Each structure stands twice: as structure tokens, then as C-alpha cells.
C-alpha atoms as a PDB file:
ATOM      1  CA  MET A   1      28.613 106.276 112.033  1.00  0.00           C
ATOM      2  CA  ASN A   2      31.790 106.936 113.867  1.00  0.00           C
ATOM      3  CA  SER A   3      31.605 109.901 116.191  1.00  0.00           C
ATOM      4  CA  GLY A   4      35.351 110.330 116.323  1.00  0.00           C
ATOM      5  CA  LYS A   5      35.529 110.061 120.217  1.00  0.00           C
ATOM      6  CA  ILE A   6      38.548 108.722 121.748  1.00  0.00           C
ATOM      7  CA  GLU A   7      37.579 104.954 122.527  1.00  0.00           C
ATOM      8  CA  ALA A   8      37.921 103.860 126.445  1.00  0.00           C
ATOM      9  CA  GLY A   9      40.768 101.074 126.733  1.00  0.00           C
ATOM     10  CA  ALA A  10      42.469 102.803 123.571  1.00  0.00           C
ATOM     11  CA  VAL A  11      45.971 103.587 123.787  1.00  0.00           C
ATOM     12  CA  PHE A  12      45.883 107.896 124.790  1.00  0.00           C
ATOM     13  CA  PRO A  13      47.329 109.535 121.496  1.00  0.00           C
ATOM     14  CA  GLN A  14      51.143 110.760 121.547  1.00  0.00           C
ATOM     15  CA  ILE A  15      50.542 114.599 121.833  1.00  0.00           C
ATOM     16  CA  THR A  16      53.396 117.081 122.947  1.00  0.00           C
ATOM     17  CA  ALA A  17      53.199 120.459 123.900  1.00  0.00           C
ATOM     18  CA  GLN A  18      54.570 123.580 125.508  1.00  0.00           C
ATOM     19  CA  ASN A  19      54.908 125.106 128.935  1.00  0.00           C
ATOM     20  CA  LEU A  20      55.213 129.319 130.170  1.00  0.00           C
ATOM     21  CA  ALA A  21      58.565 127.458 130.676  1.00  0.00           C
ATOM     22  CA  GLY A  22      59.184 126.402 127.231  1.00  0.00           C
ATOM     23  CA  GLU A  23      59.602 122.958 128.182  1.00  0.00           C
ATOM     24  CA  THR A  24      58.059 120.221 125.994  1.00  0.00           C
ATOM     25  CA  MET A  25      55.851 117.657 127.877  1.00  0.00           C
ATOM     26  CA  GLU A  26      54.293 114.921 126.551  1.00  0.00           C
ATOM     27  CA  ILE A  27      50.639 114.936 127.722  1.00  0.00           C
ATOM     28  CA  GLY A  28      49.406 111.455 128.217  1.00  0.00           C
ATOM     29  CA  LYS A  29      53.113 110.447 129.726  1.00  0.00           C
ATOM     30  CA  PRO A  30      53.190 110.145 133.570  1.00  0.00           C
ATOM     31  CA  ALA A  31      55.894 112.039 135.575  1.00  0.00           C
ATOM     32  CA  ALA A  32      56.939 112.683 139.574  1.00  0.00           C
ATOM     33  CA  GLY A  33      57.127 108.887 139.820  1.00  0.00           C
ATOM     34  CA  ALA A  34      53.665 108.157 138.909  1.00  0.00           C
ATOM     35  CA  ASP A  35      52.279 105.406 137.271  1.00  0.00           C
ATOM     36  CA  TRP A  36      48.888 107.289 135.908  1.00  0.00           C
ATOM     37  CA  LYS A  37      47.932 110.356 134.207  1.00  0.00           C
ATOM     38  CA  MET A  38      45.219 113.042 134.521  1.00  0.00           C
ATOM     39  CA  VAL A  39      44.788 115.338 131.418  1.00  0.00           C
ATOM     40  CA  VAL A  40      42.038 118.186 131.781  1.00  0.00           C
ATOM     41  CA  VAL A  41      41.220 119.615 128.722  1.00  0.00           C
ATOM     42  CA  TYR A  42      39.832 123.309 129.326  1.00  0.00           C
ATOM     43  CA  ARG A  43      38.040 125.704 126.998  1.00  0.00           C
ATOM     44  CA  GLY A  44      40.825 128.489 127.625  1.00  0.00           C
ATOM     45  CA  TRP A  45      41.560 132.021 128.886  1.00  0.00           C
ATOM     46  CA  HIS A  46      37.886 133.266 128.549  1.00  0.00           C
ATOM     47  CA  CYS A  47      36.764 131.127 130.375  1.00  0.00           C
ATOM     48  CA  PRO A  48      35.271 131.871 134.128  1.00  0.00           C
ATOM     49  CA  LEU A  49      34.569 128.293 134.700  1.00  0.00           C
ATOM     50  CA  CYS A  50      37.719 127.248 133.605  1.00  0.00           C
ATOM     51  CA  THR A  51      39.387 129.135 136.135  1.00  0.00           C
ATOM     52  CA  LYS A  52      37.166 127.900 139.072  1.00  0.00           C
ATOM     53  CA  TYR A  53      37.408 124.584 138.009  1.00  0.00           C
ATOM     54  CA  LEU A  54      41.335 124.633 137.980  1.00  0.00           C
ATOM     55  CA  ASN A  55      41.371 126.097 140.834  1.00  0.00           C
ATOM     56  CA  ASN A  56      39.444 123.727 142.557  1.00  0.00           C
ATOM     57  CA  LEU A  57      41.650 121.104 140.904  1.00  0.00           C
ATOM     58  CA  GLU A  58      44.922 122.015 142.619  1.00  0.00           C
ATOM     59  CA  THR A  59      43.050 121.620 145.898  1.00  0.00           C
ATOM     60  CA  HIS A  60      42.790 117.450 144.482  1.00  0.00           C
ATOM     61  CA  LYS A  61      46.242 117.601 143.307  1.00  0.00           C
ATOM     62  CA  GLN A  62      47.726 116.172 146.318  1.00  0.00           C
ATOM     63  CA  GLY A  63      45.269 113.039 146.376  1.00  0.00           C
ATOM     64  CA  LEU A  64      45.930 112.422 142.512  1.00  0.00           C
ATOM     65  CA  LEU A  65      49.709 112.136 143.533  1.00  0.00           C
ATOM     66  CA  ASP A  66      48.856 109.544 146.542  1.00  0.00           C
ATOM     67  CA  SER A  67      47.140 107.510 144.701  1.00  0.00           C
ATOM     68  CA  GLY A  68      49.447 107.938 141.570  1.00  0.00           C
ATOM     69  CA  VAL A  69      48.362 110.087 139.687  1.00  0.00           C
ATOM     70  CA  ASP A  70      50.192 113.095 138.034  1.00  0.00           C
ATOM     71  CA  LEU A  71      48.104 116.041 136.389  1.00  0.00           C
ATOM     72  CA  ILE A  72      48.280 118.264 133.302  1.00  0.00           C
ATOM     73  CA  ALA A  73      46.033 120.969 131.848  1.00  0.00           C
ATOM     74  CA  ILE A  74      46.086 121.769 128.290  1.00  0.00           C
ATOM     75  CA  SER A  75      44.096 124.209 126.115  1.00  0.00           C
ATOM     76  CA  ALA A  76      44.178 125.797 122.701  1.00  0.00           C
ATOM     77  CA  ASP A  77      45.373 129.125 124.025  1.00  0.00           C
ATOM     78  CA  THR A  78      48.203 130.911 122.903  1.00  0.00           C
ATOM     79  CA  LYS A  79      51.427 131.646 124.652  1.00  0.00           C
ATOM     80  CA  SER A  80      50.543 134.634 125.643  1.00  0.00           C
ATOM     81  CA  GLN A  81      47.012 134.255 126.455  1.00  0.00           C
ATOM     82  CA  LEU A  82      48.324 130.957 128.668  1.00  0.00           C
ATOM     83  CA  ALA A  83      51.048 133.730 130.544  1.00  0.00           C
ATOM     84  CA  GLY A  84      47.852 136.385 131.086  1.00  0.00           C
ATOM     85  CA  PHE A  85      45.763 133.454 132.538  1.00  0.00           C
ATOM     86  CA  MET A  86      47.868 132.262 135.024  1.00  0.00           C
ATOM     87  CA  GLU A  87      47.695 135.571 136.599  1.00  0.00           C
ATOM     88  CA  LYS A  88      43.921 134.276 137.354  1.00  0.00           C
ATOM     89  CA  LEU A  89      44.910 130.564 138.554  1.00  0.00           C
ATOM     90  CA  GLU A  90      46.271 129.571 141.987  1.00  0.00           C
ATOM     91  CA  VAL A  91      47.626 126.022 140.762  1.00  0.00           C
ATOM     92  CA  SER A  92      51.095 124.081 140.879  1.00  0.00           C
ATOM     93  CA  PHE A  93      50.359 121.262 138.433  1.00  0.00           C
ATOM     94  CA  PRO A  94      51.420 121.793 134.746  1.00  0.00           C
ATOM     95  CA  ILE A  95      49.637 123.788 132.165  1.00  0.00           C
ATOM     96  CA  CYS A  96      50.443 123.592 128.512  1.00  0.00           C
ATOM     97  CA  TYR A  97      49.251 125.666 125.468  1.00  0.00           C
ATOM     98  CA  GLY A  98      48.977 125.373 121.632  1.00  0.00           C
ATOM     99  CA  LEU A  99      46.496 122.449 121.156  1.00  0.00           C
ATOM    100  CA  THR A 100      45.826 122.260 117.988  1.00  0.00           C
ATOM    101  CA  ILE A 101      42.257 121.398 115.906  1.00  0.00           C
ATOM    102  CA  ALA A 102      44.018 118.035 114.521  1.00  0.00           C
ATOM    103  CA  GLN A 103      44.895 116.879 118.113  1.00  0.00           C
ATOM    104  CA  MET A 104      41.399 118.012 120.021  1.00  0.00           C
ATOM    105  CA  GLN A 105      40.042 115.957 116.760  1.00  0.00           C
ATOM    106  CA  GLU A 106      42.406 113.286 118.009  1.00  0.00           C
ATOM    107  CA  LEU A 107      41.202 113.116 121.433  1.00  0.00           C
ATOM    108  CA  GLY A 108      37.486 113.332 120.395  1.00  0.00           C
ATOM    109  CA  LEU A 109      36.702 116.726 121.457  1.00  0.00           C
ATOM    110  CA  TYR A 110      34.324 119.304 120.745  1.00  0.00           C
ATOM    111  CA  ILE A 111      35.398 122.406 119.052  1.00  0.00           C
ATOM    112  CA  SER A 112      33.519 125.274 119.355  1.00  0.00           C
ATOM    113  CA  THR A 113      33.912 128.764 117.568  1.00  0.00           C
ATOM    114  CA  PRO A 114      34.608 131.650 119.459  1.00  0.00           C
ATOM    115  CA  ARG A 115      31.007 133.342 119.503  1.00  0.00           C
ATOM    116  CA  SER A 116      32.957 137.170 118.840  1.00  0.00           C
ATOM    117  CA  GLU A 117      36.468 138.396 119.175  1.00  0.00           C
ATOM    118  CA  LYS A 118      36.106 139.446 123.059  1.00  0.00           C
ATOM    119  CA  GLU A 119      35.702 135.553 123.879  1.00  0.00           C
ATOM    120  CA  THR A 120      39.259 134.688 122.012  1.00  0.00           C
ATOM    121  CA  ASP A 121      40.500 134.628 118.502  1.00  0.00           C
ATOM    122  CA  HIS A 122      40.364 130.930 117.481  1.00  0.00           C
ATOM    123  CA  PRO A 123      38.547 127.935 117.583  1.00  0.00           C
ATOM    124  CA  PHE A 124      38.828 126.243 121.341  1.00  0.00           C
ATOM    125  CA  PRO A 125      38.040 122.659 122.374  1.00  0.00           C
ATOM    126  CA  GLU A 126      35.225 121.992 125.107  1.00  0.00           C
ATOM    127  CA  PRO A 127      36.307 120.056 128.563  1.00  0.00           C
ATOM    128  CA  GLY A 128      37.639 117.256 128.730  1.00  0.00           C
ATOM    129  CA  VAL A 129      39.249 114.557 131.197  1.00  0.00           C
ATOM    130  CA  PHE A 130      41.480 111.914 130.599  1.00  0.00           C
ATOM    131  CA  VAL A 131      42.593 109.543 133.139  1.00  0.00           C
ATOM    132  CA  ILE A 132      45.343 107.198 131.492  1.00  0.00           C
ATOM    133  CA  ASN A 133      46.494 104.146 133.215  1.00  0.00           C
ATOM    134  CA  GLU A 134      49.745 102.230 133.678  1.00  0.00           C
ATOM    135  CA  LYS A 135      49.452 100.797 130.387  1.00  0.00           C
ATOM    136  CA  GLY A 136      48.925 103.911 128.758  1.00  0.00           C
ATOM    137  CA  GLN A 137      45.197 103.173 128.012  1.00  0.00           C
ATOM    138  CA  VAL A 138      42.481 105.187 128.633  1.00  0.00           C
ATOM    139  CA  GLN A 139      41.159 104.064 132.007  1.00  0.00           C
ATOM    140  CA  ILE A 140      38.248 107.160 132.299  1.00  0.00           C
ATOM    141  CA  ALA A 141      36.854 109.595 129.080  1.00  0.00           C
ATOM    142  CA  GLU A 142      34.359 112.377 129.909  1.00  0.00           C
ATOM    143  CA  ILE A 143      33.833 115.015 127.067  1.00  0.00           C
ATOM    144  CA  SER A 144      31.773 117.666 127.266  1.00  0.00           C
ATOM    145  CA  ASN A 145      30.385 119.508 124.292  1.00  0.00           C
ATOM    146  CA  ASN A 146      29.680 122.839 126.842  1.00  0.00           C
ATOM    147  CA  PRO A 147      31.684 124.599 130.198  1.00  0.00           C
ATOM    148  CA  PHE A 148      28.814 123.457 132.510  1.00  0.00           C
ATOM    149  CA  VAL A 149      29.254 119.884 132.704  1.00  0.00           C
ATOM    150  CA  ARG A 150      32.288 118.317 134.300  1.00  0.00           C
ATOM    151  CA  PRO A 151      33.117 116.054 136.377  1.00  0.00           C
ATOM    152  CA  GLU A 152      32.768 116.684 140.365  1.00  0.00           C
ATOM    153  CA  LEU A 153      36.397 116.186 141.507  1.00  0.00           C
ATOM    154  CA  GLU A 154      35.797 114.485 144.995  1.00  0.00           C
ATOM    155  CA  THR A 155      33.937 111.864 143.361  1.00  0.00           C
ATOM    156  CA  LEU A 156      36.923 111.702 140.922  1.00  0.00           C
ATOM    157  CA  VAL A 157      39.595 111.397 142.823  1.00  0.00           C
ATOM    158  CA  SER A 158      38.265 109.027 145.260  1.00  0.00           C
ATOM    159  CA  GLY A 159      36.726 106.810 142.282  1.00  0.00           C
ATOM    160  CA  ILE A 160      40.294 106.870 141.022  1.00  0.00           C
ATOM    161  CA  ALA A 161      41.667 105.682 144.280  1.00  0.00           C
ATOM    162  CA  TRP A 162      39.274 102.791 144.133  1.00  0.00           C
ATOM    163  CA  ILE A 163      39.922 101.987 140.602  1.00  0.00           C
ATOM    164  CA  LYS A 164      43.586 101.556 141.516  1.00  0.00           C
ATOM    165  CA  ASN A 165      43.623  99.454 144.811  1.00  0.00           C
ATOM    166  CA  PRO A 166      44.170  96.087 143.548  1.00  0.00           C
ATOM    167  CA  GLU A 167      41.507  94.553 145.700  1.00  0.00           C
ATOM    168  CA  ASN A 168      38.916  95.728 143.803  1.00  0.00           C
ATOM    169  CA  ASP A 169      40.222  94.519 140.509  1.00  0.00           C
ATOM    170  CA  TYR A 170      37.738  97.261 138.392  1.00  0.00           C
ATOM    171  CA  PRO A 171      37.808  96.960 134.688  1.00  0.00           C
ATOM    172  CA  ILE A 172      37.912  99.694 132.087  1.00  0.00           C
ATOM    173  CA  GLY A 173      34.010 100.232 131.906  1.00  0.00           C
ATOM    174  CA  GLY A 174      32.722 101.419 128.549  1.00  0.00           C
ATOM    175  CA  THR A 175      34.421  98.569 126.030  1.00  0.00           C
ATOM    176  CA  TYR A 176      31.499  96.042 125.579  1.00  0.00           C
ATOM    177  CA  LYS A 177      31.822  96.220 121.270  1.00  0.00           C
END
């Protein structure tokens, strides 16, 4: 049975989204002189664990940049929800909004229905982290079905640096067929 999950080594889909400044960004394409990209999908403004995770991610931004990895976060929130969420965040990396259900499915994310209107007013993705290499391939994929399981950032950032070191010649894992 096909789970619909994005495969390790697959080319990351071309997905564009907007940030609060109205700029359209291709979420899987590195910028700022980096050759790799980390895409962090978060549940939305309603999730306190997302707030904590994204704020913690900011403390690892420089380590990622030092390894040549650009960073972006995205959710299915609306522009106004993201604007309100930014008041809780202390981040300098780009955050985009408006991830569609079709895009969530293309990424193989788990999608949840809000428990009530107090939570949010639309289906939202559960957490996902994708690290895309210089060839545009998914080097690392971590997809969760709940907010409590996310990669530990210190280990992830040091692991990416180790993978990117040419002396280690580390392949993309999980490609056996």
C-alpha cells in the first residue's frame, strides 16, 4: 500500500508560498548563499509546542548557515493568523503561510481536523522536517502524526554538518527497494 509519504532521495516538490511581506518563496530552494535547505512544517499559530520549537530553532539558525543550510518554516495558517503568531515568535528566518491540503498531501504530511473552532478554523499539517540537498533531493525527512514528536534540534543540526562533510561520504538513508 502506498502511504503517500515523500520518499528519501526524491526530488523535493516545487512548492511556493508567501511570507507576511508578500514575497513569494519557493520553500525548497536554498537562498543566502546556502546549497541545502531545511523546511520545517509546523501545525499553526494555535500550537504552543510549535511556538517553543520555532523559537528554539532560531538558536540553531547560525549553525545551519555555517553548514550551508538555509531555513524556512511554513504552515496552513492564514496571513492574519501568521501575523498574530509572529507576536509570540522571536525568529529571523522566513515563515510562510497558506500551505494547501494538496501541498500537504504532496509532502506526505499527516493532516488533522481541528478539535474545535478555538483551536483553528481549517485542517492543518502535523509537524514535518525536510532537509533538501544540493541536488534538490530529500536528504532527511521526519514526518510526525502529532505535535509531541519532532527531531531534537541539536542532534539534527550536528548530524547535518556531519552528513555534509565530504570526508564522511554519507548516503541518503532509507532508499532500499
